[in-house]
PDB file of N, CA and C in Angstrom:
ATOM      1  N   UNK A   1      32.624 -92.368 -25.841  1.00  0.00           N
ATOM      2  CA  UNK A   1      32.733 -93.275 -27.420  1.00  0.00           C
ATOM      3  C   UNK A   1      31.478 -94.027 -27.267  1.00  0.00           C
ATOM      4  N   UNK A   2      30.816 -94.353 -28.508  1.00  0.00           N
ATOM      5  CA  UNK A   2      29.747 -95.238 -28.362  1.00  0.00           C
ATOM      6  C   UNK A   2      30.458 -96.490 -29.411  1.00  0.00           C
ATOM      7  N   UNK A   3      29.534 -97.244 -29.459  1.00  0.00           N
ATOM      8  CA  UNK A   3      30.212 -98.484 -30.702  1.00  0.00           C
ATOM      9  C   UNK A   3      31.146 -99.333 -30.199  1.00  0.00           C
ATOM     10  N   UNK A   4      31.340-100.355 -31.049  1.00  0.00           N
ATOM     11  CA  UNK A   4      32.213-100.909 -30.796  1.00  0.00           C
ATOM     12  C   UNK A   4      33.800-100.523 -30.586  1.00  0.00           C
ATOM     13  N   UNK A   5      34.857-100.927 -29.643  1.00  0.00           N
ATOM     14  CA  UNK A   5      35.985-100.585 -29.968  1.00  0.00           C
ATOM     15  C   UNK A   5      37.046-101.110 -30.379  1.00  0.00           C
ATOM     16  N   UNK A   6      37.798-100.698 -31.449  1.00  0.00           N
ATOM     17  CA  UNK A   6      38.627-101.830 -31.961  1.00  0.00           C
ATOM     18  C   UNK A   6      39.684-102.236 -30.916  1.00  0.00           C
ATOM     19  N   UNK A   7      40.160-103.101 -31.491  1.00  0.00           N
ATOM     20  CA  UNK A   7      41.033-104.302 -30.776  1.00  0.00           C
ATOM     21  C   UNK A   7      42.470-103.544 -30.209  1.00  0.00           C
ATOM     22  N   UNK A   8      43.090-103.668 -29.447  1.00  0.00           N
ATOM     23  CA  UNK A   8      44.541-102.962 -29.216  1.00  0.00           C
ATOM     24  C   UNK A   8      44.979-103.788 -29.708  1.00  0.00           C
ATOM     25  N   UNK A   9      46.193-103.201 -30.815  1.00  0.00           N
ATOM     26  CA  UNK A   9      47.320-103.913 -31.388  1.00  0.00           C
ATOM     27  C   UNK A   9      48.661-103.428 -30.804  1.00  0.00           C
ATOM     28  N   UNK A  10      49.258-104.334 -30.901  1.00  0.00           N
ATOM     29  CA  UNK A  10      50.628-104.301 -30.184  1.00  0.00           C
ATOM     30  C   UNK A  10      51.486-103.816 -31.265  1.00  0.00           C
ATOM     31  N   UNK A  11      52.700-103.502 -31.086  1.00  0.00           N
ATOM     32  CA  UNK A  11      53.714-103.001 -31.879  1.00  0.00           C
ATOM     33  C   UNK A  11      54.286-104.355 -32.388  1.00  0.00           C
ATOM     34  N   UNK A  12      54.602-104.295 -33.699  1.00  0.00           N
ATOM     35  CA  UNK A  12      55.236-105.398 -34.240  1.00  0.00           C
ATOM     36  C   UNK A  12      53.874-106.547 -34.616  1.00  0.00           C
ATOM     37  N   UNK A  13      52.746-106.401 -34.519  1.00  0.00           N
ATOM     38  CA  UNK A  13      51.811-107.299 -35.007  1.00  0.00           C
ATOM     39  C   UNK A  13      51.616-107.314 -36.616  1.00  0.00           C
ATOM     40  N   UNK A  14      51.614-106.246 -36.875  1.00  0.00           N
ATOM     41  CA  UNK A  14      50.929-105.866 -38.375  1.00  0.00           C
ATOM     42  C   UNK A  14      51.705-104.891 -38.857  1.00  0.00           C
ATOM     43  N   UNK A  15      51.834-104.487 -40.247  1.00  0.00           N
ATOM     44  CA  UNK A  15      52.553-103.245 -41.127  1.00  0.00           C
ATOM     45  C   UNK A  15      51.643-103.028 -41.777  1.00  0.00           C
ATOM     46  N   UNK A  16      50.812-101.752 -41.601  1.00  0.00           N
ATOM     47  CA  UNK A  16      50.022-101.221 -42.480  1.00  0.00           C
ATOM     48  C   UNK A  16      50.600-101.032 -43.831  1.00  0.00           C
ATOM     49  N   UNK A  17      50.219-101.286 -44.781  1.00  0.00           N
ATOM     50  CA  UNK A  17      50.430-101.333 -46.302  1.00  0.00           C
ATOM     51  C   UNK A  17      49.524-100.484 -47.365  1.00  0.00           C
ATOM     52  N   UNK A  18      49.843 -99.529 -47.574  1.00  0.00           N
ATOM     53  CA  UNK A  18      49.393 -98.223 -48.695  1.00  0.00           C
ATOM     54  C   UNK A  18      49.179 -99.151 -49.797  1.00  0.00           C
ATOM     55  N   UNK A  19      48.178 -99.356 -50.463  1.00  0.00           N
ATOM     56  CA  UNK A  19      48.135-100.050 -51.627  1.00  0.00           C
ATOM     57  C   UNK A  19      47.712 -98.714 -52.844  1.00  0.00           C
ATOM     58  N   UNK A  20      48.395 -98.339 -53.654  1.00  0.00           N
ATOM     59  CA  UNK A  20      48.011 -97.006 -54.840  1.00  0.00           C
ATOM     60  C   UNK A  20      46.903 -97.790 -55.219  1.00  0.00           C
ATOM     61  N   UNK A  21      46.144 -96.516 -55.837  1.00  0.00           N
ATOM     62  CA  UNK A  21      45.209 -96.685 -56.782  1.00  0.00           C
ATOM     63  C   UNK A  21      45.840 -97.288 -58.176  1.00  0.00           C
ATOM     64  N   UNK A  22      44.496 -98.573 -58.523  1.00  0.00           N
ATOM     65  CA  UNK A  22      45.128 -99.064 -59.518  1.00  0.00           C
ATOM     66  C   UNK A  22      43.900 -99.191 -60.459  1.00  0.00           C
ATOM     67  N   UNK A  23      43.934-100.191 -61.501  1.00  0.00           N
ATOM     68  CA  UNK A  23      42.896-100.374 -62.669  1.00  0.00           C
ATOM     69  C   UNK A  23      43.454-101.966 -62.749  1.00  0.00           C
ATOM     70  N   UNK A  24      42.169-102.532 -63.315  1.00  0.00           N
ATOM     71  CA  UNK A  24      42.940-103.920 -63.221  1.00  0.00           C
ATOM     72  C   UNK A  24      41.486-104.571 -64.456  1.00  0.00           C
ATOM     73  N   UNK A  25      42.161-105.823 -65.159  1.00  0.00           N
ATOM     74  CA  UNK A  25      41.109-106.517 -66.199  1.00  0.00           C
ATOM     75  C   UNK A  25      41.786-107.942 -65.804  1.00  0.00           C
ATOM     76  N   UNK A  26      40.794-108.726 -65.926  1.00  0.00           N
ATOM     77  CA  UNK A  26      41.090-110.125 -65.360  1.00  0.00           C
ATOM     78  C   UNK A  26      40.160-110.599 -66.872  1.00  0.00           C
ATOM     79  N   UNK A  27      41.033-111.695 -67.338  1.00  0.00           N
ATOM     80  CA  UNK A  27      40.475-112.445 -68.499  1.00  0.00           C
ATOM     81  C   UNK A  27      40.365-114.117 -68.093  1.00  0.00           C
ATOM     82  N   UNK A  28      40.055-115.137 -68.866  1.00  0.00           N
ATOM     83  CA  UNK A  28      40.062-116.607 -68.347  1.00  0.00           C
ATOM     84  C   UNK A  28      41.597-117.017 -68.202  1.00  0.00           C
ATOM     85  N   UNK A  29      42.670-115.993 -68.759  1.00  0.00           N
ATOM     86  CA  UNK A  29      43.669-116.574 -68.656  1.00  0.00           C
ATOM     87  C   UNK A  29      44.336-115.376 -67.675  1.00  0.00           C
ATOM     88  N   UNK A  30      44.316-114.246 -67.826  1.00  0.00           N
ATOM     89  CA  UNK A  30      45.137-113.530 -67.156  1.00  0.00           C
ATOM     90  C   UNK A  30      44.515-112.363 -66.095  1.00  0.00           C
ATOM     91  N   UNK A  31      45.240-111.970 -65.032  1.00  0.00           N
ATOM     92  CA  UNK A  31      45.037-110.843 -64.330  1.00  0.00           C
ATOM     93  C   UNK A  31      46.291-109.690 -64.691  1.00  0.00           C
ATOM     94  N   UNK A  32      45.579-108.811 -65.026  1.00  0.00           N
ATOM     95  CA  UNK A  32      46.394-107.577 -65.411  1.00  0.00           C
ATOM     96  C   UNK A  32      46.507-106.362 -64.384  1.00  0.00           C
ATOM     97  N   UNK A  33      47.216-105.438 -63.937  1.00  0.00           N
ATOM     98  CA  UNK A  33      47.045-104.713 -62.832  1.00  0.00           C
ATOM     99  C   UNK A  33      47.888-103.327 -63.781  1.00  0.00           C
ATOM    100  N   UNK A  34      47.585-102.218 -63.570  1.00  0.00           N
ATOM    101  CA  UNK A  34      48.103-101.200 -63.608  1.00  0.00           C
ATOM    102  C   UNK A  34      48.048-100.124 -62.817  1.00  0.00           C
ATOM    103  N   UNK A  35      49.059 -99.428 -62.025  1.00  0.00           N
ATOM    104  CA  UNK A  35      49.009 -98.628 -60.360  1.00  0.00           C
ATOM    105  C   UNK A  35      49.132 -97.451 -60.962  1.00  0.00           C
ATOM    106  N   UNK A  36      48.825 -96.424 -60.118  1.00  0.00           N
ATOM    107  CA  UNK A  36      49.075 -94.853 -60.739  1.00  0.00           C
ATOM    108  C   UNK A  36      50.465 -94.528 -60.558  1.00  0.00           C
ATOM    109  N   UNK A  37      51.547 -95.520 -59.847  1.00  0.00           N
ATOM    110  CA  UNK A  37      52.513 -95.194 -59.768  1.00  0.00           C
ATOM    111  C   UNK A  37      53.250 -95.880 -60.926  1.00  0.00           C
ATOM    112  N   UNK A  38      52.724 -96.263 -61.714  1.00  0.00           N
ATOM    113  CA  UNK A  38      53.665 -96.579 -63.077  1.00  0.00           C
ATOM    114  C   UNK A  38      53.582 -98.398 -63.300  1.00  0.00           C
ATOM    115  N   UNK A  39      53.767 -98.886 -61.659  1.00  0.00           N
ATOM    116  CA  UNK A  39      53.883-100.448 -61.774  1.00  0.00           C
ATOM    117  C   UNK A  39      52.560-101.130 -62.226  1.00  0.00           C
ATOM    118  N   UNK A  40      53.242-102.325 -63.025  1.00  0.00           N
ATOM    119  CA  UNK A  40      52.463-103.393 -63.586  1.00  0.00           C
ATOM    120  C   UNK A  40      52.641-104.776 -63.052  1.00  0.00           C
ATOM    121  N   UNK A  41      51.705-105.124 -63.302  1.00  0.00           N
ATOM    122  CA  UNK A  41      51.662-106.735 -62.601  1.00  0.00           C
ATOM    123  C   UNK A  41      50.794-107.572 -63.481  1.00  0.00           C
ATOM    124  N   UNK A  42      51.182-108.705 -64.025  1.00  0.00           N
ATOM    125  CA  UNK A  42      50.325-109.773 -64.491  1.00  0.00           C
ATOM    126  C   UNK A  42      50.563-111.083 -64.483  1.00  0.00           C
ATOM    127  N   UNK A  43      49.452-111.695 -64.205  1.00  0.00           N
ATOM    128  CA  UNK A  43      49.490-113.267 -63.677  1.00  0.00           C
ATOM    129  C   UNK A  43      48.879-113.925 -64.292  1.00  0.00           C
ATOM    130  N   UNK A  44      49.671-115.062 -64.555  1.00  0.00           N
ATOM    131  CA  UNK A  44      48.689-116.259 -65.327  1.00  0.00           C
ATOM    132  C   UNK A  44      48.191-117.166 -64.272  1.00  0.00           C
ATOM    133  N   UNK A  45      46.419-116.810 -64.704  1.00  0.00           N
ATOM    134  CA  UNK A  45      45.699-117.752 -63.776  1.00  0.00           C
ATOM    135  C   UNK A  45      45.689-119.195 -63.884  1.00  0.00           C
ATOM    136  N   UNK A  46      45.940-119.580 -65.247  1.00  0.00           N
ATOM    137  CA  UNK A  46      45.723-121.024 -65.134  1.00  0.00           C
ATOM    138  C   UNK A  46      47.175-121.843 -64.196  1.00  0.00           C
ATOM    139  N   UNK A  47      48.492-120.900 -64.593  1.00  0.00           N
ATOM    140  CA  UNK A  47      49.568-121.375 -63.774  1.00  0.00           C
ATOM    141  C   UNK A  47      49.834-121.296 -62.449  1.00  0.00           C
ATOM    142  N   UNK A  48      49.221-119.978 -61.999  1.00  0.00           N
ATOM    143  CA  UNK A  48      49.099-119.543 -60.846  1.00  0.00           C
ATOM    144  C   UNK A  48      48.082-118.477 -60.432  1.00  0.00           C
ATOM    145  N   UNK A  49      46.980-119.714 -59.969  1.00  0.00           N
ATOM    146  CA  UNK A  49      45.517-119.007 -59.619  1.00  0.00           C
ATOM    147  C   UNK A  49      45.410-118.272 -58.516  1.00  0.00           C
ATOM    148  N   UNK A  50      46.802-118.466 -57.499  1.00  0.00           N
ATOM    149  CA  UNK A  50      46.847-117.438 -56.258  1.00  0.00           C
ATOM    150  C   UNK A  50      47.208-116.313 -56.681  1.00  0.00           C
ATOM    151  N   UNK A  51      47.726-115.909 -57.616  1.00  0.00           N
ATOM    152  CA  UNK A  51      48.369-114.683 -58.333  1.00  0.00           C
ATOM    153  C   UNK A  51      49.549-114.553 -57.192  1.00  0.00           C
ATOM    154  N   UNK A  52      50.499-115.054 -57.153  1.00  0.00           N
ATOM    155  CA  UNK A  52      51.548-115.104 -56.394  1.00  0.00           C
ATOM    156  C   UNK A  52      52.815-114.866 -56.914  1.00  0.00           C
ATOM    157  N   UNK A  53      52.817-115.145 -58.220  1.00  0.00           N
ATOM    158  CA  UNK A  53      54.214-115.022 -59.197  1.00  0.00           C
ATOM    159  C   UNK A  53      53.475-113.607 -60.446  1.00  0.00           C
ATOM    160  N   UNK A  54      54.117-112.440 -60.181  1.00  0.00           N
ATOM    161  CA  UNK A  54      53.833-111.693 -60.881  1.00  0.00           C
ATOM    162  C   UNK A  54      54.937-111.998 -62.435  1.00  0.00           C
ATOM    163  N   UNK A  55      54.491-112.062 -63.575  1.00  0.00           N
ATOM    164  CA  UNK A  55      55.011-112.193 -64.525  1.00  0.00           C
ATOM    165  C   UNK A  55      55.419-111.412 -66.113  1.00  0.00           C
ATOM    166  N   UNK A  56      54.959-110.102 -65.414  1.00  0.00           N
ATOM    167  CA  UNK A  56      54.852-109.004 -66.363  1.00  0.00           C
ATOM    168  C   UNK A  56      56.349-108.814 -67.044  1.00  0.00           C
ATOM    169  N   UNK A  57      57.496-109.118 -66.214  1.00  0.00           N
ATOM    170  CA  UNK A  57      58.821-108.692 -66.748  1.00  0.00           C
ATOM    171  C   UNK A  57      59.046-109.729 -67.729  1.00  0.00           C
ATOM    172  N   UNK A  58      58.376-111.185 -67.739  1.00  0.00           N
ATOM    173  CA  UNK A  58      58.827-112.124 -68.594  1.00  0.00           C
ATOM    174  C   UNK A  58      57.788-112.795 -69.621  1.00  0.00           C
ATOM    175  N   UNK A  59      56.700-112.169 -69.362  1.00  0.00           N
ATOM    176  CA  UNK A  59      55.741-112.422 -70.188  1.00  0.00           C
ATOM    177  C   UNK A  59      55.854-112.153 -71.704  1.00  0.00           C
ATOM    178  N   UNK A  60      55.259-112.559 -72.693  1.00  0.00           N
ATOM    179  CA  UNK A  60      55.224-112.243 -74.214  1.00  0.00           C
ATOM    180  C   UNK A  60      54.753-110.637 -74.111  1.00  0.00           C
ATOM    181  N   UNK A  61      55.871-109.674 -74.604  1.00  0.00           N
ATOM    182  CA  UNK A  61      54.879-108.583 -74.962  1.00  0.00           C
ATOM    183  C   UNK A  61      53.816-108.030 -75.691  1.00  0.00           C
ATOM    184  N   UNK A  62      53.542-109.245 -76.395  1.00  0.00           N
ATOM    185  CA  UNK A  62      52.615-108.892 -76.978  1.00  0.00           C
ATOM    186  C   UNK A  62      51.193-109.227 -75.955  1.00  0.00           C
ATOM    187  N   UNK A  63      51.200-110.186 -75.288  1.00  0.00           N
ATOM    188  CA  UNK A  63      50.141-110.456 -74.461  1.00  0.00           C
ATOM    189  C   UNK A  63      50.140-109.038 -73.519  1.00  0.00           C
ATOM    190  N   UNK A  64      51.205-108.471 -72.903  1.00  0.00           N
ATOM    191  CA  UNK A  64      51.179-107.112 -72.054  1.00  0.00           C
ATOM    192  C   UNK A  64      50.417-106.186 -72.937  1.00  0.00           C
ATOM    193  N   UNK A  65      51.158-106.166 -73.632  1.00  0.00           N
ATOM    194  CA  UNK A  65      50.123-104.930 -74.951  1.00  0.00           C
ATOM    195  C   UNK A  65      48.987-104.629 -75.111  1.00  0.00           C
ATOM    196  N   UNK A  66      48.470-106.253 -75.432  1.00  0.00           N
ATOM    197  CA  UNK A  66      46.986-106.316 -75.905  1.00  0.00           C
ATOM    198  C   UNK A  66      46.027-106.226 -74.199  1.00  0.00           C
ATOM    199  N   UNK A  67      46.871-106.630 -73.471  1.00  0.00           N
ATOM    200  CA  UNK A  67      46.049-106.713 -72.207  1.00  0.00           C
ATOM    201  C   UNK A  67      45.957-104.957 -71.594  1.00  0.00           C
ATOM    202  N   UNK A  68      46.914-104.081 -71.788  1.00  0.00           N
ATOM    203  CA  UNK A  68      47.257-103.005 -71.501  1.00  0.00           C
ATOM    204  C   UNK A  68      46.090-101.963 -72.507  1.00  0.00           C
ATOM    205  N   UNK A  69      46.373-102.165 -73.944  1.00  0.00           N
ATOM    206  CA  UNK A  69      45.161-101.534 -74.678  1.00  0.00           C
ATOM    207  C   UNK A  69      43.782-102.139 -74.263  1.00  0.00           C
ATOM    208  N   UNK A  70      43.430-103.288 -73.772  1.00  0.00           N
ATOM    209  CA  UNK A  70      41.996-103.271 -73.526  1.00  0.00           C
ATOM    210  C   UNK A  70      41.598-102.606 -72.228  1.00  0.00           C
ATOM    211  N   UNK A  71      42.877-102.413 -71.403  1.00  0.00           N
ATOM    212  CA  UNK A  71      42.217-101.892 -70.304  1.00  0.00           C
ATOM    213  C   UNK A  71      42.254-100.438 -70.382  1.00  0.00           C
ATOM    214  N   UNK A  72      42.739 -99.933 -71.371  1.00  0.00           N
ATOM    215  CA  UNK A  72      42.908 -98.423 -71.420  1.00  0.00           C
ATOM    216  C   UNK A  72      41.824 -98.130 -72.242  1.00  0.00           C
ATOM    217  N   UNK A  73      41.262 -99.016 -73.056  1.00  0.00           N
ATOM    218  CA  UNK A  73      39.720 -99.010 -73.897  1.00  0.00           C
ATOM    219  C   UNK A  73      38.664 -98.504 -72.632  1.00  0.00           C
ATOM    220  N   UNK A  74      38.598 -99.701 -71.594  1.00  0.00           N
ATOM    221  CA  UNK A  74      37.814 -99.848 -70.762  1.00  0.00           C
ATOM    222  C   UNK A  74      37.975 -98.798 -69.708  1.00  0.00           C
ATOM    223  N   UNK A  75      38.948 -98.118 -69.485  1.00  0.00           N
ATOM    224  CA  UNK A  75      38.707 -96.626 -68.974  1.00  0.00           C
ATOM    225  C   UNK A  75      38.314 -95.426 -69.533  1.00  0.00           C
ATOM    226  N   UNK A  76      38.488 -95.443 -70.577  1.00  0.00           N
ATOM    227  CA  UNK A  76      37.743 -94.559 -71.552  1.00  0.00           C
ATOM    228  C   UNK A  76      36.234 -94.826 -72.089  1.00  0.00           C
ATOM    229  N   UNK A  77      36.042 -95.733 -71.743  1.00  0.00           N
ATOM    230  CA  UNK A  77      34.690 -96.174 -72.489  1.00  0.00           C
ATOM    231  C   UNK A  77      33.458 -95.465 -72.068  1.00  0.00           C
ATOM    232  N   UNK A  78      32.376 -95.094 -72.451  1.00  0.00           N
ATOM    233  CA  UNK A  78      31.033 -94.528 -72.232  1.00  0.00           C
ATOM    234  C   UNK A  78      30.025 -95.176 -72.459  1.00  0.00           C
ATOM    235  N   UNK A  79      28.987 -95.368 -71.375  1.00  0.00           N
ATOM    236  CA  UNK A  79      27.548 -96.217 -71.773  1.00  0.00           C
ATOM    237  C   UNK A  79      28.127 -97.363 -72.668  1.00  0.00           C
ATOM    238  N   UNK A  80      27.239 -97.457 -74.156  1.00  0.00           N
ATOM    239  CA  UNK A  80      26.884 -98.886 -74.756  1.00  0.00           C
ATOM    240  C   UNK A  80      28.488 -99.009 -75.591  1.00  0.00           C
ATOM    241  N   UNK A  81      29.471 -98.182 -75.294  1.00  0.00           N
ATOM    242  CA  UNK A  81      30.434 -98.420 -75.928  1.00  0.00           C
ATOM    243  C   UNK A  81      31.718 -99.038 -75.241  1.00  0.00           C
ATOM    244  N   UNK A  82      31.274 -99.222 -73.786  1.00  0.00           N
ATOM    245  CA  UNK A  82      31.861-100.011 -73.232  1.00  0.00           C
ATOM    246  C   UNK A  82      31.394-101.557 -73.664  1.00  0.00           C
ATOM    247  N   UNK A  83      30.649-102.107 -74.178  1.00  0.00           N
ATOM    248  CA  UNK A  83      30.383-103.062 -74.493  1.00  0.00           C
ATOM    249  C   UNK A  83      31.334-103.768 -75.634  1.00  0.00           C
ATOM    250  N   UNK A  84      31.548-102.562 -76.308  1.00  0.00           N
ATOM    251  CA  UNK A  84      32.465-102.967 -77.543  1.00  0.00           C
ATOM    252  C   UNK A  84      34.137-103.483 -77.101  1.00  0.00           C
ATOM    253  N   UNK A  85      34.475-102.470 -75.869  1.00  0.00           N
ATOM    254  CA  UNK A  85      35.882-101.924 -75.262  1.00  0.00           C
ATOM    255  C   UNK A  85      35.748-103.321 -74.263  1.00  0.00           C
ATOM    256  N   UNK A  86      34.580-103.976 -74.163  1.00  0.00           N
ATOM    257  CA  UNK A  86      34.979-105.492 -73.108  1.00  0.00           C
ATOM    258  C   UNK A  86      34.911-106.462 -74.228  1.00  0.00           C
ATOM    259  N   UNK A  87      35.943-106.729 -74.430  1.00  0.00           N
ATOM    260  CA  UNK A  87      36.598-108.115 -75.551  1.00  0.00           C
ATOM    261  C   UNK A  87      36.658-109.474 -74.809  1.00  0.00           C
ATOM    262  N   UNK A  88      36.616-109.500 -73.689  1.00  0.00           N
ATOM    263  CA  UNK A  88      37.424-110.503 -73.007  1.00  0.00           C
ATOM    264  C   UNK A  88      36.192-111.494 -72.613  1.00  0.00           C
TER     265      UNK A  88
END
């Protein structure tokens, strides 16, 4: 074997976590994430800049809906149409 060796990891040192695929959008105020599993997360970046407290279940549904629509538009856009989809 050539190249650097990976360090020896002893049992219990860490647990690997598989993060599912996702798409996300970040505005001046919010970070909104949609996973392929259907899970969604929303963080208020002014109140929680470390993104530790998911508020998707308690946030104003209009805010969540607006961000979901904007993310959907960005996922579908092509070329110059992406400028129009980028409203944030």
